[in-house]
N, C-alpha and C. Protein backbone atom coordinates (compact mmCIF):
# COMPACT_ATOMS: atom_id res chain seq x y z
N MET A 1 124.65 59.25 30.53
CA MET A 1 124.42 59.05 29.25
C MET A 1 123.10 58.29 28.87
N VAL A 2 122.01 58.03 29.59
CA VAL A 2 120.74 57.71 29.33
C VAL A 2 119.96 59.00 28.52
N PHE A 3 120.64 60.11 29.58
CA PHE A 3 119.73 61.23 29.06
C PHE A 3 120.06 61.41 27.76
N LEU A 4 121.33 61.61 27.36
CA LEU A 4 121.88 61.91 26.24
C LEU A 4 121.01 61.07 24.89
N TRP A 5 121.24 59.62 25.24
CA TRP A 5 120.28 58.88 24.19
C TRP A 5 118.94 59.32 24.17
N SER A 6 118.31 59.37 25.21
CA SER A 6 116.81 60.21 25.27
C SER A 6 116.81 61.38 24.28
N PHE A 7 117.92 62.30 24.88
CA PHE A 7 117.25 63.32 23.96
C PHE A 7 117.85 63.28 22.42
N LEU A 8 118.71 62.35 22.41
CA LEU A 8 118.99 62.01 20.33
C LEU A 8 118.06 61.71 19.71
N ILE A 9 117.53 60.71 20.47
CA ILE A 9 116.66 59.83 20.05
C ILE A 9 115.02 60.49 19.94
N GLY A 10 115.10 60.96 20.70
CA GLY A 10 113.79 61.73 20.71
C GLY A 10 113.60 63.02 19.39
N GLY A 11 115.12 63.50 19.91
CA GLY A 11 115.25 64.53 19.05
C GLY A 11 115.14 64.09 17.49
N LEU A 12 115.62 62.83 16.92
CA LEU A 12 115.59 62.34 15.71
C LEU A 12 114.22 61.99 15.40
N ILE A 13 113.19 61.96 16.40
CA ILE A 13 112.00 61.48 15.89
C ILE A 13 111.32 62.55 15.45
N CYS A 14 111.66 63.87 16.18
CA CYS A 14 111.06 65.25 16.04
C CYS A 14 111.94 65.52 14.68
N VAL A 15 112.85 65.47 14.52
CA VAL A 15 113.40 65.97 12.98
C VAL A 15 112.84 65.33 11.72
N ILE A 16 112.71 64.02 11.90
CA ILE A 16 111.89 63.45 10.66
C ILE A 16 110.61 63.91 10.69
N GLY A 17 109.88 64.02 11.85
CA GLY A 17 108.28 64.83 11.77
C GLY A 17 108.83 66.11 11.19
N GLN A 18 109.63 66.75 10.84
CA GLN A 18 110.04 68.36 10.67
C GLN A 18 110.00 68.13 9.12
N LEU A 19 110.99 67.18 9.01
CA LEU A 19 111.22 66.89 7.30
C LEU A 19 110.00 66.80 6.64
N MET A 20 109.21 65.64 7.16
CA MET A 20 108.16 65.52 6.53
C MET A 20 107.35 66.55 6.15
N PHE A 21 107.21 67.77 7.31
CA PHE A 21 106.77 68.98 6.65
C PHE A 21 107.57 69.79 5.91
N ASP A 22 108.63 69.79 5.81
CA ASP A 22 109.17 70.59 5.03
C ASP A 22 109.73 70.16 3.69
N VAL A 23 110.32 68.70 3.77
CA VAL A 23 110.39 68.49 2.48
C VAL A 23 109.60 67.93 1.61
N LEU A 24 108.98 66.86 2.29
CA LEU A 24 107.54 66.03 1.43
C LEU A 24 106.25 66.80 1.67
N LYS A 25 106.42 68.32 2.13
CA LYS A 25 105.30 69.06 2.25
C LYS A 25 103.80 68.24 2.72
N LEU A 26 103.64 67.39 3.68
CA LEU A 26 102.36 66.87 4.20
C LEU A 26 101.80 67.31 5.31
N THR A 27 100.80 67.38 5.55
CA THR A 27 100.14 68.36 6.12
C THR A 27 99.98 67.80 7.67
N PRO A 28 99.63 68.11 8.81
CA PRO A 28 100.20 67.88 9.98
C PRO A 28 99.25 66.71 10.16
N GLY A 29 97.88 66.54 9.83
CA GLY A 29 97.45 65.21 9.85
C GLY A 29 98.13 64.13 9.28
N GLN A 30 98.60 64.24 8.40
CA GLN A 30 99.60 63.21 7.43
C GLN A 30 100.40 63.00 7.92
N THR A 31 101.49 63.83 8.56
CA THR A 31 102.24 63.74 9.66
C THR A 31 101.99 62.66 10.29
N LEU A 32 100.81 63.43 11.55
CA LEU A 32 100.58 62.48 12.27
C LEU A 32 100.90 61.13 12.25
N SER A 33 99.68 60.98 11.13
CA SER A 33 99.13 59.63 11.25
C SER A 33 100.09 58.63 10.62
N THR A 34 101.34 58.95 9.86
CA THR A 34 102.05 58.22 9.27
C THR A 34 103.26 58.16 10.40
N LEU A 35 103.19 58.89 11.31
CA LEU A 35 104.71 58.60 12.48
C LEU A 35 103.50 57.67 13.34
N VAL A 36 102.14 57.72 13.23
CA VAL A 36 101.62 56.45 14.56
C VAL A 36 102.20 55.57 13.55
N VAL A 37 101.61 55.29 12.37
CA VAL A 37 101.89 53.94 11.61
C VAL A 37 103.28 53.85 11.88
N ILE A 38 104.25 54.46 11.52
CA ILE A 38 105.49 53.85 11.77
C ILE A 38 105.73 53.12 13.05
N GLY A 39 105.37 53.93 14.06
CA GLY A 39 105.49 53.30 15.48
C GLY A 39 104.64 51.98 15.72
N ALA A 40 103.27 52.11 14.91
CA ALA A 40 102.85 50.93 14.82
C ALA A 40 103.68 49.54 14.51
N ILE A 41 104.15 49.74 13.17
CA ILE A 41 104.88 48.94 12.84
C ILE A 41 105.96 48.53 13.48
N LEU A 42 106.91 49.18 14.05
CA LEU A 42 107.90 48.90 14.38
C LEU A 42 107.31 47.90 15.28
N GLY A 43 106.50 47.95 16.32
CA GLY A 43 106.30 47.81 17.53
C GLY A 43 105.33 46.27 17.41
N GLY A 44 104.82 46.21 15.92
CA GLY A 44 104.13 44.85 15.59
C GLY A 44 105.45 43.84 15.10
N PHE A 45 106.20 44.48 14.73
CA PHE A 45 107.52 43.61 14.65
C PHE A 45 108.73 43.67 15.65
N GLY A 46 108.33 43.92 17.00
CA GLY A 46 109.09 43.91 18.10
C GLY A 46 110.25 44.80 18.05
N LEU A 47 110.30 45.95 17.37
CA LEU A 47 111.51 46.64 17.15
C LEU A 47 111.23 47.87 18.13
N TYR A 48 110.24 48.41 18.64
CA TYR A 48 110.33 49.76 19.51
C TYR A 48 110.39 49.58 20.65
N GLU A 49 110.30 48.12 21.52
CA GLU A 49 110.51 47.75 22.73
C GLU A 49 111.63 48.07 23.01
N PRO A 50 112.91 47.35 22.20
CA PRO A 50 114.18 47.59 22.29
C PRO A 50 114.58 49.26 22.27
N LEU A 51 114.01 50.03 21.31
CA LEU A 51 114.13 51.68 21.09
C LEU A 51 113.88 52.11 22.40
N ILE A 52 112.70 51.70 23.24
CA ILE A 52 112.34 52.47 24.37
C ILE A 52 113.31 51.72 25.48
N ASP A 53 113.66 50.44 25.35
CA ASP A 53 114.78 50.47 26.68
C ASP A 53 115.82 51.24 26.56
N PHE A 54 116.30 51.11 25.42
CA PHE A 54 117.61 52.18 24.72
C PHE A 54 117.41 53.78 25.31
N ALA A 55 116.35 54.10 24.51
CA ALA A 55 116.14 55.84 24.71
C ALA A 55 115.23 56.15 25.87
N GLY A 56 114.76 55.51 26.51
CA GLY A 56 113.36 55.46 27.85
C GLY A 56 112.29 56.46 26.86
N ALA A 57 112.86 57.69 27.55
CA ALA A 57 111.54 58.78 27.63
C ALA A 57 111.59 59.63 26.13
N GLY A 58 112.97 59.54 25.11
CA GLY A 58 112.80 60.00 23.96
C GLY A 58 112.09 59.03 23.02
N ALA A 59 111.74 57.23 23.45
CA ALA A 59 110.92 56.77 22.60
C ALA A 59 109.91 57.09 22.92
N THR A 60 109.39 57.17 24.28
CA THR A 60 108.05 56.88 24.65
C THR A 60 107.10 58.17 24.67
N VAL A 61 107.63 59.14 24.76
CA VAL A 61 107.03 60.89 24.36
C VAL A 61 106.58 60.74 22.66
N PRO A 62 107.08 60.52 21.87
CA PRO A 62 106.81 61.24 20.79
C PRO A 62 105.38 60.22 20.68
N ILE A 63 105.01 61.06 19.43
CA ILE A 63 104.10 60.18 19.22
C ILE A 63 103.73 58.86 18.47
N THR A 64 105.03 58.25 17.99
CA THR A 64 105.29 57.04 17.72
C THR A 64 105.00 55.91 18.71
N SER A 65 105.42 56.57 20.16
CA SER A 65 104.79 55.65 20.72
C SER A 65 103.89 55.26 21.06
N PHE A 66 102.85 56.29 20.70
CA PHE A 66 101.26 55.80 20.46
C PHE A 66 101.06 54.42 19.64
N GLY A 67 101.56 54.45 18.42
CA GLY A 67 101.13 53.71 17.65
C GLY A 67 101.60 52.40 18.36
N ASN A 68 102.69 52.56 18.59
CA ASN A 68 103.22 50.89 19.40
C ASN A 68 102.59 50.52 20.57
N SER A 69 101.98 51.62 21.49
CA SER A 69 101.08 51.09 22.33
C SER A 69 99.91 50.33 21.81
N LEU A 70 99.00 51.14 20.46
CA LEU A 70 97.92 50.62 20.23
C LEU A 70 98.01 48.91 19.76
N VAL A 71 99.73 48.77 19.41
CA VAL A 71 99.72 47.50 18.33
C VAL A 71 100.05 46.50 19.55
N THR A 72 101.17 46.95 20.18
CA THR A 72 101.38 46.17 21.67
C THR A 72 99.92 45.76 22.56
N GLY A 73 99.24 46.78 22.86
CA GLY A 73 97.84 46.44 23.51
C GLY A 73 97.01 45.23 22.70
N ALA A 74 96.81 45.65 21.43
CA ALA A 74 96.16 44.58 20.92
C ALA A 74 96.69 43.24 20.30
N LEU A 75 97.86 43.06 19.89
CA LEU A 75 98.64 41.61 20.53
C LEU A 75 98.38 41.05 21.55
N GLU A 76 98.45 41.95 22.50
CA GLU A 76 98.71 41.27 23.73
C GLU A 76 97.26 40.52 24.49
N GLU A 77 96.05 41.79 24.02
CA GLU A 77 94.76 40.70 24.24
C GLU A 77 94.37 39.99 23.21
N ALA A 78 94.75 39.98 22.15
CA ALA A 78 94.33 39.03 21.24
C ALA A 78 94.99 37.66 21.69
N LYS A 79 96.12 37.52 22.14
CA LYS A 79 96.46 36.45 22.65
C LYS A 79 95.68 35.88 23.87
N GLN A 80 95.03 36.58 24.49
CA GLN A 80 94.48 36.16 25.50
C GLN A 80 93.07 36.11 25.18
N HIS A 81 92.28 36.76 24.65
CA HIS A 81 91.22 36.64 23.79
C HIS A 81 90.21 36.63 22.83
N GLY A 82 91.50 36.36 21.77
CA GLY A 82 91.11 36.15 20.60
C GLY A 82 90.85 37.25 19.72
N ILE A 83 89.74 37.55 18.52
CA ILE A 83 89.92 39.04 17.98
C ILE A 83 89.25 40.12 18.93
N ILE A 84 88.15 39.61 19.26
CA ILE A 84 88.04 40.58 20.33
C ILE A 84 88.85 41.27 21.14
N GLY A 85 89.94 40.71 21.41
CA GLY A 85 90.73 41.67 22.11
C GLY A 85 91.70 42.18 21.51
N VAL A 86 91.81 42.32 19.81
CA VAL A 86 92.48 43.37 18.92
C VAL A 86 91.56 44.46 19.45
N VAL A 87 90.66 44.78 19.63
CA VAL A 87 89.73 46.08 19.38
C VAL A 87 90.01 46.44 20.92
N THR A 88 89.72 45.59 22.23
CA THR A 88 89.50 46.29 23.24
C THR A 88 90.94 46.75 23.95
N GLY A 89 91.95 45.58 23.62
CA GLY A 89 93.34 45.57 23.67
C GLY A 89 94.12 47.25 23.55
N MET A 90 93.70 47.49 22.32
CA MET A 90 93.93 48.71 21.73
C MET A 90 93.89 49.86 22.92
N PHE A 91 92.22 49.91 22.85
CA PHE A 91 91.81 51.03 23.68
C PHE A 91 92.06 50.76 25.55
N GLU A 92 92.08 49.53 25.80
CA GLU A 92 92.34 49.29 27.19
C GLU A 92 93.97 50.27 27.73
N VAL A 93 95.12 49.99 26.35
CA VAL A 93 96.36 50.43 26.60
C VAL A 93 96.48 52.00 26.73
N THR A 94 95.59 52.64 25.84
CA THR A 94 95.49 54.31 25.36
C THR A 94 94.63 54.65 26.02
N SER A 95 93.49 54.41 26.49
CA SER A 95 92.37 55.17 26.79
C SER A 95 92.99 56.15 27.70
N SER A 96 93.71 56.23 28.63
CA SER A 96 93.85 57.51 29.81
C SER A 96 94.09 58.36 28.89
N GLY A 97 95.42 58.29 27.65
CA GLY A 97 95.54 59.39 26.36
C GLY A 97 94.73 59.85 25.61
N ILE A 98 93.60 59.14 25.32
CA ILE A 98 92.73 59.67 24.60
C ILE A 98 91.52 60.28 25.38
N SER A 99 91.40 60.10 26.79
CA SER A 99 90.48 60.62 27.28
C SER A 99 91.21 62.06 28.27
N ALA A 100 92.45 61.80 28.06
CA ALA A 100 93.29 63.35 28.32
C ALA A 100 93.02 64.39 27.43
N ALA A 101 92.87 63.67 26.09
CA ALA A 101 92.84 64.56 24.60
C ALA A 101 91.73 65.25 24.68
N ILE A 102 90.64 64.48 25.04
CA ILE A 102 89.24 64.60 24.58
C ILE A 102 89.24 66.08 25.74
N ILE A 103 89.20 65.40 27.21
CA ILE A 103 88.85 66.22 28.36
C ILE A 103 89.80 67.92 27.99
N PHE A 104 91.19 67.96 27.90
CA PHE A 104 91.71 69.18 27.28
C PHE A 104 91.41 69.93 26.48
N GLY A 105 91.11 69.13 25.45
CA GLY A 105 90.19 69.90 24.31
C GLY A 105 89.33 70.15 24.34
N MET A 106 88.13 70.00 25.31
CA MET A 106 86.85 70.54 25.73
C MET A 106 87.24 71.86 26.81
N ILE A 107 87.99 71.75 27.66
CA ILE A 107 88.50 72.69 28.35
C ILE A 107 89.02 73.80 27.49
N GLY A 108 89.72 73.53 26.82
CA GLY A 108 90.36 74.43 25.68
C GLY A 108 89.52 75.10 25.06
N ALA A 109 88.41 74.85 24.19
CA ALA A 109 87.21 75.13 23.64
C ALA A 109 86.57 75.87 24.40
N LEU A 110 86.67 75.80 25.86
CA LEU A 110 85.63 76.30 26.87
C LEU A 110 86.19 77.84 26.88
N LEU A 111 86.85 77.90 26.91
CA LEU A 111 88.15 78.58 27.64
C LEU A 111 88.49 79.70 26.44
N PHE A 112 88.93 79.37 25.65
CA PHE A 112 89.17 80.22 24.34
C PHE A 112 88.05 79.89 23.09
N LYS A 113 88.26 81.01 22.20
CA LYS A 113 87.43 81.22 20.63
C LYS A 113 87.68 80.31 19.93
N PRO A 114 87.74 78.90 19.90
CA PRO A 114 88.02 77.85 18.72
C PRO A 114 88.10 78.83 17.57
N LYS A 115 89.05 78.40 16.36
CA LYS A 115 88.91 79.22 15.18
C LYS A 115 88.20 78.02 14.17
N GLY A 116 87.26 78.70 13.07
CA GLY A 116 87.10 77.65 12.55
C GLY A 116 85.91 77.85 11.30
């Protein structure tokens, strides 16, 4: 049953993103940013963690989870270190994902001819 809910919740997040492209005519950057902000807002209000508990990878894999991770890390570090913890907490939790994106982007640019 866990796999079914994971599939349905992850699929629903993807459908929302696709509708943003097709119906609202948003660009990929606008859609990406909107989904990150939605995940951050849900995480800030404590609503994303129950979704992760319910749907597992269906809620942790989509980009909305990145927004949740940013806010969750910032709030946890802010409790311990004050205002400076907001900045350090965001990057402490998400640094591996950001680093991977930079490294794989660089490798892709070296192996293939980027358009631009």
